[in-house]
Every structure is written in C-alpha cells, then in structure tokens.
Amino acid sequence: MVAIITMFFLFAMIAFVTNLAAPLGTIWKNHYSWAGMLGNMMNFLAYLFMGIPAGNLLTKIGYKKTALLAMVIGIVGLILQYLSSCFGADTAVFTVDGAPVMLNYVVYLLGAFICGFCVCMLNVVVNPMLNLLGGGGNRGNQFIQIGGSCNSCAGTLTPLFVGMLIGQVTAQTAMSDVLPLIYIAIGVFVLAFLIIAAVNIPEPHLAAAGKVQPKFTHSPWSFRHFVLGAVGIFFYVGIEVGIPGILIFYISSLDIENATAVAGGVAAVYWLLMFVGRLFSSVISGKVSSRMQLLTVSLVGIALVIGAIVLPSDIVVSVPSYSVEEGFTTAPVPASAMLLVLCGLCTSVMWGGIFNLAVEGLGKYTAKASGIFMMMVFGGGVMPMIQEAIGRSAGYMVSYWLVVAMLAYLFFYAVSGSKNVNKDIPVEEEMDARNVA
C-alpha cells in the first residue's frame, strides 16, 4: 500500500513540472513570437534521449534509486529556471530573424530540458510499477487511472497558479513574476526525495538481477500492436498537451481583461476534467475494457473538437477568473473554448488505455517497452509545436484539425490496431530459455 501511494504521489509530480511549460510560454512568447511552445518542446525533447536509457536504468538500479535520481535532476532543472530570472536579460547569445535572443531564455530552455529528464524517469518508474502492483489487465489499468487522477489534480493547479501570478502579459512580464511557484516546485521535489528515500518499494527487476538472463530472440518492436501503440502514445501526448496549450495562447490573444489569468483558469478546468475522468475510469476500469474506453473517448473527442472548430467565435460564455490585483471576477470567452475543455474528459483515460493495450501479452519485453513508450512521449513536444505553427499562420482554431487527425488514429488503434497478431512469439523466460544456444 505504501508503494502504491508513493507511485500516486510521483504521478502528481510529473504533471506539476510538465504543466509549467505551456503557461510560462505566454511570458516568453511576448518577448519572442516563435517561443510560445519551445519550452514545452525542450521538456519533451528529453524523452527522446532519455526514454530507453531510463528503462535500462530502472532494470539496473531499480525503481527507488531511479526515482531518487530523478528528484535530484528535477531540482537542478528548476534551479536553472529560477536562474533565468536573475541574469542574462541584457546578454545576447544569437539572433533569430535579426532579433537578439538573450541568455536568460537559453538558461530557461536548458532548465526545461533537464526537467524533462526528470519527468521521463518518473514516468518510467510509475507506469510499469502501478501496472505490476495491480496485477496487469483491467486492474493494472485501474491503478494507472487512479495515479492519473493525482496527475490531473496537480495539472489543474499549475496553470491556474501561473495565470493568477501573471494576470495580464505585458512587455515587462518576466520569470520573476512566477518565482513563488518555482520555490514551491523545488520544495515539493525535496519533500518527495525524503519520502521516497524513507519508504520500501518492491524491486522485482533487482530480485532477478542475479539470475542468468537468457538471450531474447525478439524485442517489443516485434509486436505489431505495440508498434502501433507507440505511435498512438506519440499522438496522444500531442493531443493532451496541444489542446490546453494552444487554448492558452488563443484566449491570451483575445481582447479581454486579464486574458492570461482567464486562459490559465480555462486550462485549469481542462485538467480538472481530466481528474474527474480518471476518477470515473478508475471505478469502471475493473469492468469496462481498455479497448472500449479508448474507442468511446476518441470518437467523442473527435465530435467535440470539430464542434469547437465550426462554432462561430461570437458565441461566448462567461467563465470565472482570478488575478492578484482584482481577485475573483468573470470574463467572456468563445463557447468553442468550452467544447475543447470538455475534451479533458476524453483525454483523461487515453494514456492508461493505450499503455495497457500496447503492453498486453509482451511478458518479459514489458520493461523495455516502457522505456520505448517514454521515448515516444516526445510527441508532446513535436505535435503542439506543429499545431502552434499552424495557428500562427492560419489561426488557432484551424490548428485543431491536426488534433482531429490524431484522434482519428487513436480510434483506428482501438478498433483494430490494438489486436495482438504476434501470439506465436514466446514471452515467458522459461519458454525462450530453451532456445538459447
């Protein structure tokens, strides 16, 4: 039970760090028009480099030491983001389109990149560990969904706090305006390090470390449903990050008072709905299959996003808002934003469903598959950046057609791509041991 609760806590830490990137991008976008999602890109770029090594690291030193190392790396990344507010604002490093890019932004990007290593390692720990503690199958998915609820809870608070601290982005808005949040993040990492160091976490990989390991004749890439699932994770993280990330930019660009605070509040509702969706899924996942859940939410997601795209922007609704200067108030936003926010209910269950379907039947290849999955999370940096580029050139709402295409792929994966057509490949240790020369 202690191990399970610890994994839930780590799930929350992942969202806390990851969800800093998009709202902080509103600060840098005001200084560099192309920089809105670049911090987010650097955060997810780390997954490309660390995904597989993190899986290997888990096998060699275990869940606990991998998590502790991740905490230390996260603290270093956050300190660098803090330092970006202290110096370098008057030192040019290079130019983009003839405009100088200052050292403080480069330091911030380095900090975001290092934080990406941290959350990648934490993801490698929590997903297989919760699946293992739940015994795999629907029960394993249920544990992942509960952990995802903790993730969404932290994800809800992060953009809300950033929006409250910033209020309205101006030419004078800087990282120093959100330093209280950086201090909190560093403190939470230190606390997490102390908690994890004190608890006993099962180490099934280390328990088998002394045994003679047979040579694997295949790899996770030998399974079609895993390969298609890895692509699905690439698109899914792009969907999860892109919907609220681009929505923040869209609302921040509107001519409304305290636009950034309003955008942060709306994005927070998206993550709150992810929290609600994961809680609901954790209740039903013991009875409703991962495939059926993924099929349903991808289809509903397509309908919601298309509805948001075609809905006229002059149809508005009032949403609660808060800023440090004015306190609580209300602000008008396009009704299409609310349809996009509802997508949080859909994206809430996708990660656990895709992960569960993709590793089903992999047996001894599951650990390496988890590392590959973390590498494919890189899609959370690539796809939102492509979406933002489309938004700058054709309009933010037009960019959501990219989200529709990615949701359509997930629908295909739920319908047929998730079927294991490689059941002839041996996945148990004793089965492959007979084939070792």
Protein backbone atom coordinates (compact mmCIF):
# COMPACT_ATOMS: atom_id res chain seq x y z
CA MET A 1 0.00 0.00 0.00
CA VAL A 2 2.86 2.39 0.83
CA ALA A 3 4.42 1.67 -2.57
CA ILE A 4 1.11 2.33 -4.32
CA ILE A 5 0.58 5.66 -2.54
CA THR A 6 4.16 6.66 -3.36
CA MET A 7 3.58 5.96 -7.05
CA PHE A 8 0.43 8.11 -6.95
CA PHE A 9 2.48 10.94 -5.42
CA LEU A 10 5.08 10.64 -8.20
CA PHE A 11 2.30 10.79 -10.79
CA ALA A 12 1.30 14.18 -9.36
CA MET A 13 4.91 15.38 -9.51
CA ILE A 14 5.07 14.59 -13.24
CA ALA A 15 2.15 16.92 -14.01
CA PHE A 16 3.38 19.66 -11.69
CA VAL A 17 6.66 20.00 -13.60
CA THR A 18 5.35 19.29 -17.11
CA ASN A 19 2.44 21.74 -16.92
CA LEU A 20 4.68 24.66 -16.04
CA ALA A 21 5.96 24.83 -19.63
CA ALA A 22 2.85 25.92 -21.55
CA PRO A 23 1.68 28.77 -19.26
CA LEU A 24 5.26 30.01 -18.84
CA GLY A 25 5.38 30.08 -22.64
CA THR A 26 2.96 33.03 -22.58
CA ILE A 27 5.72 35.07 -20.91
CA TRP A 28 8.40 34.20 -23.45
CA LYS A 29 6.00 34.47 -26.41
CA ASN A 30 5.63 38.16 -25.57
CA HIS A 31 9.39 38.56 -25.99
CA TYR A 32 9.86 36.16 -28.93
CA SER A 33 6.83 35.44 -31.13
CA TRP A 34 8.14 31.97 -32.04
CA ALA A 35 8.92 30.91 -28.47
CA GLY A 36 5.48 30.03 -27.11
CA MET A 37 5.78 26.23 -27.16
CA LEU A 38 9.57 25.94 -27.33
CA GLY A 39 9.94 25.45 -23.57
CA ASN A 40 7.34 22.69 -23.80
CA MET A 41 9.27 21.28 -26.76
CA MET A 42 12.51 21.18 -24.75
CA ASN A 43 10.71 19.47 -21.88
CA PHE A 44 9.50 16.68 -24.14
CA LEU A 45 12.68 16.56 -26.22
CA ALA A 46 14.33 15.00 -23.19
CA TYR A 47 12.05 11.97 -23.58
CA LEU A 48 13.58 11.23 -26.98
CA PHE A 49 17.04 10.95 -25.45
CA MET A 50 16.12 9.51 -22.05
CA GLY A 51 13.24 7.13 -22.77
CA ILE A 52 15.22 3.94 -23.48
CA PRO A 53 18.16 4.76 -21.12
CA ALA A 54 15.64 5.36 -18.33
CA GLY A 55 14.18 1.90 -18.91
CA ASN A 56 17.66 0.38 -18.79
CA LEU A 57 18.44 2.39 -15.66
CA LEU A 58 15.33 1.03 -13.97
CA THR A 59 16.46 -2.52 -14.74
CA LYS A 60 19.95 -1.93 -13.33
CA ILE A 61 19.36 0.16 -10.17
CA GLY A 62 15.64 -0.38 -9.51
CA TYR A 63 12.54 1.76 -9.05
CA LYS A 64 13.60 3.53 -5.85
CA LYS A 65 17.06 4.71 -6.92
CA THR A 66 15.76 5.74 -10.33
CA ALA A 67 13.08 7.87 -8.67
CA LEU A 68 15.60 9.43 -6.24
CA LEU A 69 17.96 10.29 -9.09
CA ALA A 70 15.02 11.82 -10.96
CA MET A 71 14.27 14.06 -7.97
CA VAL A 72 17.83 15.39 -7.92
CA ILE A 73 17.75 16.07 -11.66
CA GLY A 74 14.39 17.84 -11.28
CA ILE A 75 15.78 20.14 -8.59
CA VAL A 76 18.70 21.07 -10.87
CA GLY A 77 16.30 21.86 -13.74
CA LEU A 78 14.11 24.05 -11.55
CA ILE A 79 17.11 25.93 -10.17
CA LEU A 80 18.16 26.73 -13.74
CA GLN A 81 14.67 28.06 -14.49
CA TYR A 82 14.99 30.20 -11.36
CA LEU A 83 18.39 31.49 -12.53
CA SER A 84 16.81 32.58 -15.83
CA SER A 85 15.03 35.28 -13.82
CA CYS A 86 18.24 36.52 -12.20
CA PHE A 87 20.68 37.24 -15.01
CA GLY A 88 21.24 37.26 -18.75
CA ALA A 89 18.40 39.58 -19.77
CA ASP A 90 20.90 42.02 -21.31
CA THR A 91 23.28 39.47 -22.87
CA ALA A 92 22.57 38.34 -26.44
CA VAL A 93 23.60 34.78 -27.38
CA PHE A 94 22.42 34.55 -31.00
CA THR A 95 19.84 36.08 -33.32
CA VAL A 96 16.64 34.81 -34.93
CA ASP A 97 15.38 36.77 -37.95
CA GLY A 98 17.76 39.55 -36.99
CA ALA A 99 16.42 39.85 -33.44
CA PRO A 100 18.72 39.01 -30.49
CA VAL A 101 17.90 36.08 -28.22
CA MET A 102 19.05 36.73 -24.67
CA LEU A 103 20.99 34.43 -22.36
CA ASN A 104 18.17 34.25 -19.81
CA TYR A 105 15.92 32.50 -22.33
CA VAL A 106 18.65 29.98 -23.19
CA VAL A 107 19.10 29.22 -19.46
CA TYR A 108 15.34 28.73 -19.13
CA LEU A 109 15.28 26.31 -22.06
CA LEU A 110 18.17 24.34 -20.54
CA GLY A 111 16.24 24.13 -17.27
CA ALA A 112 13.12 22.92 -19.09
CA PHE A 113 15.21 20.29 -20.92
CA ILE A 114 16.72 18.97 -17.68
CA CYS A 115 13.29 18.87 -16.03
CA GLY A 116 12.23 16.73 -18.98
CA PHE A 117 14.84 14.12 -17.99
CA CYS A 118 13.32 14.09 -14.51
CA VAL A 119 9.70 13.54 -15.56
CA CYS A 120 10.74 10.95 -18.16
CA MET A 121 12.48 8.90 -15.47
CA LEU A 122 9.49 9.25 -13.15
CA ASN A 123 7.15 8.06 -15.90
CA VAL A 124 9.34 5.01 -16.48
CA VAL A 125 9.00 4.19 -12.78
CA VAL A 126 5.30 4.80 -12.09
CA ASN A 127 3.59 3.23 -15.10
CA PRO A 128 5.04 -0.29 -15.01
CA MET A 129 5.10 -0.21 -11.20
CA LEU A 130 1.39 0.56 -10.89
CA ASN A 131 0.58 -1.96 -13.63
CA LEU A 132 2.64 -4.54 -11.71
CA LEU A 133 1.06 -3.72 -8.33
CA GLY A 134 -2.38 -4.03 -9.93
CA GLY A 135 -1.58 -7.41 -11.45
CA GLY A 136 -1.87 -6.19 -15.06
CA GLY A 137 -5.03 -6.32 -17.16
CA ASN A 138 -8.04 -4.22 -16.18
CA ARG A 139 -6.87 -3.99 -12.56
CA GLY A 140 -3.48 -2.66 -13.65
CA ASN A 141 -5.23 -0.09 -15.83
CA GLN A 142 -7.41 0.85 -12.84
CA PHE A 143 -4.33 1.67 -10.74
CA ILE A 144 -2.83 3.70 -13.57
CA GLN A 145 -6.07 5.67 -13.86
CA ILE A 146 -6.07 6.44 -10.11
CA GLY A 147 -2.47 7.63 -10.43
CA GLY A 148 -3.58 9.65 -13.43
CA SER A 149 -6.20 11.31 -11.23
CA CYS A 150 -3.42 12.56 -8.95
CA ASN A 151 -1.58 13.70 -12.07
CA SER A 152 -4.61 15.68 -13.25
CA CYS A 153 -5.12 17.25 -9.84
CA ALA A 154 -1.60 18.69 -9.91
CA GLY A 155 -2.06 19.59 -13.57
CA THR A 156 -5.19 21.57 -12.68
CA LEU A 157 -3.44 23.74 -10.12
CA THR A 158 -0.29 24.56 -12.12
CA PRO A 159 -1.72 26.71 -14.99
CA LEU A 160 -4.23 28.24 -12.57
CA PHE A 161 -1.44 29.43 -10.27
CA VAL A 162 0.66 30.73 -13.16
CA GLY A 163 -2.31 32.67 -14.55
CA MET A 164 -3.08 34.13 -11.13
CA LEU A 165 0.52 35.29 -10.66
CA ILE A 166 0.84 36.79 -14.14
CA GLY A 167 -2.62 38.30 -14.65
CA GLN A 168 -2.04 40.16 -17.95
CA VAL A 169 1.09 39.56 -20.00
CA THR A 170 2.92 42.77 -20.92
CA ALA A 171 6.36 43.65 -22.22
CA GLN A 172 7.51 43.87 -18.59
CA THR A 173 6.23 40.41 -17.58
CA ALA A 174 9.16 38.13 -16.71
CA MET A 175 10.03 34.85 -14.98
CA SER A 176 10.48 36.79 -11.75
CA ASP A 177 6.68 37.15 -11.62
CA VAL A 178 6.24 33.40 -11.13
CA LEU A 179 9.17 32.72 -8.78
CA PRO A 180 6.84 31.73 -5.89
CA LEU A 181 5.73 28.75 -8.00
CA ILE A 182 9.34 27.79 -8.72
CA TYR A 183 10.10 27.91 -4.99
CA ILE A 184 7.11 25.65 -4.31
CA ALA A 185 8.21 23.20 -7.01
CA ILE A 186 11.74 22.94 -5.58
CA GLY A 187 10.32 22.44 -2.08
CA VAL A 188 7.97 19.69 -3.30
CA PHE A 189 10.86 17.89 -5.00
CA VAL A 190 12.92 17.98 -1.82
CA LEU A 191 9.95 16.62 0.13
CA ALA A 192 9.40 13.91 -2.50
CA PHE A 193 13.06 12.89 -2.24
CA LEU A 194 12.78 12.48 1.54
CA ILE A 195 9.54 10.49 1.31
CA ILE A 196 10.79 8.12 -1.39
CA ALA A 197 14.08 7.60 0.48
CA ALA A 198 12.12 6.52 3.57
CA VAL A 199 9.69 4.02 2.01
CA ASN A 200 10.29 0.45 0.90
CA ILE A 201 9.46 -0.08 -2.78
CA PRO A 202 9.31 -3.61 -4.30
CA GLU A 203 12.11 -4.23 -6.79
CA PRO A 204 11.15 -7.22 -8.98
CA HIS A 205 13.83 -6.42 -11.56
CA LEU A 206 16.61 -6.32 -8.96
CA ALA A 207 15.38 -9.55 -7.40
CA ALA A 208 16.05 -11.30 -10.69
CA ALA A 209 19.31 -9.46 -11.37
CA GLY A 210 21.48 -12.28 -10.04
CA LYS A 211 19.92 -14.88 -12.32
CA VAL A 212 21.41 -15.83 -15.67
CA GLN A 213 19.36 -13.95 -18.20
CA PRO A 214 18.53 -15.80 -21.43
CA LYS A 215 19.15 -14.08 -24.72
CA PHE A 216 15.95 -12.52 -26.05
CA THR A 217 15.19 -13.62 -29.60
CA HIS A 218 12.76 -10.75 -30.19
CA SER A 219 12.02 -7.23 -28.95
CA PRO A 220 8.93 -5.11 -28.29
CA TRP A 221 9.23 -3.90 -31.89
CA SER A 222 8.38 -7.45 -32.99
CA PHE A 223 4.78 -6.93 -31.88
CA ARG A 224 2.55 -5.03 -34.30
CA HIS A 225 0.10 -3.89 -31.62
CA PHE A 226 2.98 -2.43 -29.59
CA VAL A 227 4.43 -0.54 -32.58
CA LEU A 228 1.03 0.96 -33.40
CA GLY A 229 0.52 1.71 -29.71
CA ALA A 230 3.86 3.54 -29.53
CA VAL A 231 2.69 5.74 -32.41
CA GLY A 232 -0.59 6.16 -30.53
CA ILE A 233 1.25 7.43 -27.44
CA PHE A 234 3.20 9.88 -29.64
CA PHE A 235 -0.08 11.31 -30.93
CA TYR A 236 -1.92 11.07 -27.61
CA VAL A 237 0.58 13.21 -25.68
CA GLY A 238 0.44 15.71 -28.54
CA ILE A 239 -3.34 15.82 -28.11
CA GLU A 240 -3.25 16.09 -24.32
CA VAL A 241 -0.69 18.93 -24.32
CA GLY A 242 -1.82 20.65 -27.52
CA ILE A 243 -5.49 21.16 -26.63
CA PRO A 244 -4.94 23.25 -23.46
CA GLY A 245 -1.57 24.66 -24.58
CA ILE A 246 -2.86 26.24 -27.78
CA LEU A 247 -6.07 27.20 -25.98
CA ILE A 248 -3.98 29.29 -23.56
CA PHE A 249 -2.42 31.16 -26.49
CA TYR A 250 -5.80 31.58 -28.19
CA ILE A 251 -7.53 33.07 -25.14
CA SER A 252 -4.46 35.16 -24.22
CA SER A 253 -4.66 36.76 -27.67
CA LEU A 254 -8.27 37.85 -27.17
CA ASP A 255 -9.16 41.42 -26.27
CA ILE A 256 -10.36 40.69 -22.75
CA GLU A 257 -9.15 41.94 -19.38
CA ASN A 258 -6.56 39.78 -17.61
CA ALA A 259 -6.52 37.50 -20.63
CA THR A 260 -3.65 35.34 -19.36
CA ALA A 261 -5.34 34.78 -16.00
CA VAL A 262 -8.56 33.82 -17.82
CA ALA A 263 -6.61 31.47 -20.10
CA GLY A 264 -4.95 29.84 -17.11
CA GLY A 265 -8.31 29.37 -15.43
CA VAL A 266 -9.86 27.78 -18.53
CA ALA A 267 -6.87 25.46 -18.97
CA ALA A 268 -7.17 24.52 -15.30
CA VAL A 269 -10.75 23.39 -15.92
CA TYR A 270 -9.45 21.13 -18.72
CA TRP A 271 -7.04 19.43 -16.30
CA LEU A 272 -9.74 19.31 -13.64
CA LEU A 273 -11.99 17.41 -16.05
CA MET A 274 -9.09 15.04 -16.72
CA PHE A 275 -9.02 14.48 -12.97
CA VAL A 276 -12.77 13.76 -12.95
CA GLY A 277 -12.49 11.46 -15.96
CA ARG A 278 -9.66 9.46 -14.43
CA LEU A 279 -11.52 9.08 -11.16
CA PHE A 280 -14.55 7.77 -13.04
CA SER A 281 -12.36 5.48 -15.14
CA SER A 282 -10.66 4.12 -12.02
CA VAL A 283 -14.10 2.99 -10.85
CA ILE A 284 -15.22 1.34 -14.10
CA SER A 285 -11.89 0.02 -15.42
CA GLY A 286 -12.29 -3.20 -13.48
CA LYS A 287 -15.38 -3.96 -15.60
CA VAL A 288 -15.03 -1.96 -18.84
CA SER A 289 -12.13 -2.93 -21.09
CA SER A 290 -9.35 -0.51 -22.04
CA ARG A 291 -10.23 -1.02 -25.71
CA MET A 292 -13.87 0.00 -25.25
CA GLN A 293 -12.89 3.06 -23.20
CA LEU A 294 -10.35 4.21 -25.81
CA LEU A 295 -12.78 3.64 -28.67
CA THR A 296 -15.52 5.68 -26.98
CA VAL A 297 -13.46 8.67 -25.83
CA SER A 298 -11.60 9.04 -29.14
CA LEU A 299 -14.90 9.17 -31.03
CA VAL A 300 -16.43 11.68 -28.59
CA GLY A 301 -13.21 13.73 -28.71
CA ILE A 302 -13.43 13.99 -32.50
CA ALA A 303 -17.00 15.29 -32.24
CA LEU A 304 -16.08 17.89 -29.58
CA VAL A 305 -13.06 19.26 -31.44
CA ILE A 306 -14.88 19.51 -34.77
CA GLY A 307 -17.73 21.26 -32.96
CA ALA A 308 -15.26 23.76 -31.48
CA ILE A 309 -13.72 24.46 -34.90
CA VAL A 310 -17.02 25.16 -36.68
CA LEU A 311 -18.72 27.06 -33.83
CA PRO A 312 -18.77 30.84 -34.52
CA SER A 313 -16.39 32.80 -32.29
CA ASP A 314 -19.04 35.43 -31.48
CA ILE A 315 -20.95 32.89 -29.36
CA VAL A 316 -19.49 33.47 -25.90
CA VAL A 317 -19.91 32.18 -22.36
CA SER A 318 -18.81 33.69 -19.05
CA VAL A 319 -16.13 31.89 -17.03
CA PRO A 320 -14.74 32.59 -13.56
CA SER A 321 -11.42 34.44 -13.46
CA TYR A 322 -8.95 35.49 -10.80
CA SER A 323 -5.99 37.86 -10.69
CA VAL A 324 -3.83 39.06 -7.82
CA GLU A 325 -4.87 42.67 -8.48
CA GLU A 326 -8.65 42.25 -8.87
CA GLY A 327 -9.48 38.99 -7.12
CA PHE A 328 -12.37 36.86 -8.42
CA THR A 329 -14.42 38.06 -11.39
CA THR A 330 -15.93 36.70 -14.62
CA ALA A 331 -14.82 37.05 -18.23
CA PRO A 332 -16.37 36.23 -21.63
CA VAL A 333 -14.69 33.57 -23.78
CA PRO A 334 -15.80 31.86 -27.03
CA ALA A 335 -18.07 28.88 -26.40
CA SER A 336 -15.73 26.81 -28.60
CA ALA A 337 -13.19 27.03 -25.76
CA MET A 338 -15.63 25.19 -23.50
CA LEU A 339 -16.00 22.36 -26.04
CA LEU A 340 -12.22 22.00 -26.09
CA VAL A 341 -12.16 21.99 -22.30
CA LEU A 342 -14.65 19.09 -22.30
CA CYS A 343 -12.05 17.09 -24.23
CA GLY A 344 -10.31 16.70 -20.87
CA LEU A 345 -12.88 14.04 -20.03
CA CYS A 346 -11.78 12.15 -23.15
CA THR A 347 -8.01 12.50 -22.88
CA SER A 348 -8.18 11.51 -19.20
CA VAL A 349 -8.40 7.79 -19.91
CA MET A 350 -6.32 7.53 -23.08
CA TRP A 351 -2.85 7.11 -21.60
CA GLY A 352 -3.75 4.15 -19.40
CA GLY A 353 -5.80 2.55 -22.15
CA ILE A 354 -3.09 2.81 -24.82
CA PHE A 355 -0.33 1.69 -22.46
CA ASN A 356 -2.37 -1.27 -21.26
CA LEU A 357 -3.35 -2.39 -24.76
CA ALA A 358 0.15 -1.96 -26.17
CA VAL A 359 1.98 -3.99 -23.48
CA GLU A 360 -0.69 -6.69 -23.20
CA GLY A 361 0.93 -10.04 -23.93
CA LEU A 362 4.53 -8.70 -24.02
CA GLY A 363 5.64 -10.60 -20.93
CA LYS A 364 9.39 -10.23 -20.36
CA TYR A 365 9.56 -7.46 -23.00
CA THR A 366 7.38 -5.12 -20.91
CA ALA A 367 10.26 -3.29 -19.16
CA LYS A 368 11.95 -2.38 -22.45
CA ALA A 369 8.57 -1.49 -23.93
CA SER A 370 8.04 1.01 -21.10
CA GLY A 371 11.31 2.75 -21.99
CA ILE A 372 10.30 2.97 -25.65
CA PHE A 373 6.95 4.39 -24.59
CA MET A 374 8.70 7.14 -22.68
CA MET A 375 10.75 7.95 -25.77
CA MET A 376 7.55 8.34 -27.80
CA VAL A 377 6.21 10.88 -25.29
CA PHE A 378 8.40 13.21 -27.35
CA GLY A 379 5.22 13.72 -29.37
CA GLY A 380 4.05 16.07 -26.63
CA GLY A 381 6.74 18.47 -27.80
CA VAL A 382 6.58 17.93 -31.56
CA MET A 383 2.85 17.95 -32.26
CA PRO A 384 1.91 21.04 -30.17
CA MET A 385 4.77 22.94 -31.79
CA ILE A 386 3.45 21.98 -35.24
CA GLN A 387 -0.03 22.96 -34.09
CA GLU A 388 1.23 26.33 -32.86
CA ALA A 389 2.95 26.94 -36.22
CA ILE A 390 -0.34 26.21 -37.98
CA GLY A 391 -2.11 28.51 -35.52
CA ARG A 392 0.26 31.41 -36.19
CA SER A 393 -0.19 31.13 -39.95
CA ALA A 394 -3.83 30.00 -40.36
CA GLY A 395 -5.50 30.72 -37.00
CA TYR A 396 -5.52 28.93 -33.67
CA MET A 397 -8.87 27.22 -34.18
CA VAL A 398 -7.85 25.94 -37.63
CA SER A 399 -4.85 24.27 -35.98
CA TYR A 400 -7.20 21.93 -34.13
CA TRP A 401 -7.78 19.95 -37.33
CA LEU A 402 -4.42 18.39 -36.52
CA VAL A 403 -5.92 17.20 -33.22
CA VAL A 404 -8.87 15.69 -35.12
CA ALA A 405 -6.46 13.69 -37.31
CA MET A 406 -4.59 12.36 -34.26
CA LEU A 407 -7.84 11.39 -32.53
CA ALA A 408 -8.88 9.54 -35.68
CA TYR A 409 -5.69 7.46 -35.43
CA LEU A 410 -6.48 6.55 -31.82
CA PHE A 411 -9.95 5.46 -32.91
CA PHE A 412 -8.35 3.18 -35.52
CA TYR A 413 -5.98 1.78 -32.87
CA ALA A 414 -8.87 0.98 -30.54
CA VAL A 415 -10.87 -0.69 -33.32
CA SER A 416 -8.19 -2.91 -34.88
CA GLY A 417 -4.62 -1.73 -34.30
CA SER A 418 -4.53 -2.94 -30.69
CA LYS A 419 -5.11 -6.60 -31.55
CA ASN A 420 -2.13 -8.85 -30.82
CA VAL A 421 -1.40 -10.67 -34.07
CA ASN A 422 2.00 -11.96 -32.87
CA LYS A 423 0.94 -14.51 -30.27
CA ASP A 424 3.40 -17.02 -31.71
CA ILE A 425 6.32 -15.08 -30.18
CA PRO A 426 7.36 -16.59 -26.79
CA VAL A 427 7.18 -14.02 -23.99
CA GLU A 428 7.96 -16.06 -20.86
CA GLU A 429 11.51 -16.57 -19.55
CA GLU A 430 11.34 -20.34 -19.45
CA MET A 431 9.94 -20.53 -22.97
CA ASP A 432 12.80 -18.58 -24.52
CA ALA A 433 15.46 -20.21 -22.32
CA ARG A 434 15.11 -23.42 -24.33
CA ASN A 435 16.06 -21.52 -27.49
CA VAL A 436 19.33 -20.13 -26.11
CA ALA A 437 22.40 -21.69 -27.67
